[in-house]
Amino acid sequence: MSPQWILVIVLIAVVYFFFIKKKPAVTQSNKNNKKDEVQSSDMVECSTCGVYCELDDTILSNNKYYCSNECLEKA
């Protein structure tokens, strides 16, 4: 086999792997699992005033997030 043919085969392989080959599809269930996970650094909106706070800094009451005791008392 001549060096020209080896070069052509290598170039075809490079083009295939970089441009044509598709990445494996991510299933819908994997995407949903990642979105459902709540982390402490996630931002949530206060149900009363609408200010966004980190999840660690909020108060959870009746499945609603509040930024302070004042907002909790207003609701």
Protein backbone atom coordinates (compact mmCIF):
# COMPACT_ATOMS: atom_id res chain seq x y z
CA MET A 1 0.00 0.00 0.00
CA SER A 2 1.39 3.35 -0.94
CA PRO A 3 1.73 6.26 1.51
CA GLN A 4 -0.83 8.28 -0.45
CA TRP A 5 -3.58 5.72 0.27
CA ILE A 6 -2.73 5.63 3.96
CA LEU A 7 -2.94 9.43 4.07
CA VAL A 8 -6.33 9.38 2.32
CA ILE A 9 -7.70 6.79 4.76
CA VAL A 10 -6.45 8.78 7.76
CA LEU A 11 -8.04 11.99 6.42
CA ILE A 12 -11.37 10.23 5.84
CA ALA A 13 -11.28 8.84 9.39
CA VAL A 14 -10.53 12.29 10.85
CA VAL A 15 -13.39 13.89 8.92
CA TYR A 16 -15.75 11.12 10.02
CA PHE A 17 -14.93 11.30 13.72
CA PHE A 18 -14.90 15.09 13.98
CA PHE A 19 -17.74 16.12 11.69
CA ILE A 20 -20.05 13.25 10.80
CA LYS A 21 -20.24 10.96 13.82
CA LYS A 22 -23.04 12.05 16.14
CA LYS A 23 -22.83 12.01 19.88
CA PRO A 24 -25.06 9.51 21.69
CA ALA A 25 -28.52 10.86 22.34
CA VAL A 26 -29.41 11.71 25.92
CA THR A 27 -32.71 10.22 26.93
CA GLN A 28 -35.51 12.39 28.23
CA SER A 29 -35.50 10.67 31.63
CA ASN A 30 -31.85 11.61 32.21
CA LYS A 31 -32.61 15.28 31.47
CA ASN A 32 -35.56 15.29 33.88
CA ASN A 33 -33.53 13.72 36.69
CA LYS A 34 -30.90 16.44 36.45
CA LYS A 35 -33.50 19.21 36.48
CA ASP A 36 -35.36 17.77 39.48
CA GLU A 37 -32.29 17.78 41.69
CA VAL A 38 -32.30 20.86 43.91
CA GLN A 39 -29.01 22.26 45.11
CA SER A 40 -28.43 24.71 47.94
CA SER A 41 -27.07 27.35 45.57
CA ASP A 42 -30.24 27.41 43.42
CA MET A 43 -32.14 30.68 43.32
CA VAL A 44 -35.85 30.76 44.18
CA GLU A 45 -38.36 33.59 44.07
CA CYS A 46 -40.03 34.92 47.20
CA SER A 47 -43.78 34.31 46.99
CA THR A 48 -44.60 37.73 48.47
CA CYS A 49 -42.16 40.31 47.12
CA GLY A 50 -40.64 38.46 44.15
CA VAL A 51 -37.00 38.85 45.21
CA TYR A 52 -34.71 35.97 44.23
CA CYS A 53 -32.72 34.41 47.09
CA GLU A 54 -30.50 31.37 47.48
CA LEU A 55 -32.34 28.30 48.66
CA ASP A 56 -30.30 28.18 51.89
CA ASP A 57 -31.41 31.71 52.84
CA THR A 58 -35.15 31.22 52.32
CA ILE A 59 -37.98 30.13 54.60
CA LEU A 60 -40.24 27.33 53.33
CA SER A 61 -43.85 27.45 54.47
CA ASN A 62 -46.84 25.75 52.83
CA ASN A 63 -44.66 24.77 49.82
CA LYS A 64 -43.81 28.44 49.16
CA TYR A 65 -40.47 30.18 49.60
CA TYR A 66 -40.13 33.47 51.49
CA CYS A 67 -37.05 35.70 51.73
CA SER A 68 -37.69 36.88 55.31
CA ASN A 69 -40.03 36.63 58.27
CA GLU A 70 -41.69 39.89 57.24
CA CYS A 71 -42.73 38.42 53.88
CA LEU A 72 -43.91 35.27 55.62
CA GLU A 73 -46.10 37.32 57.97
CA LYS A 74 -47.54 39.37 55.08
CA ALA A 75 -48.69 36.18 53.35
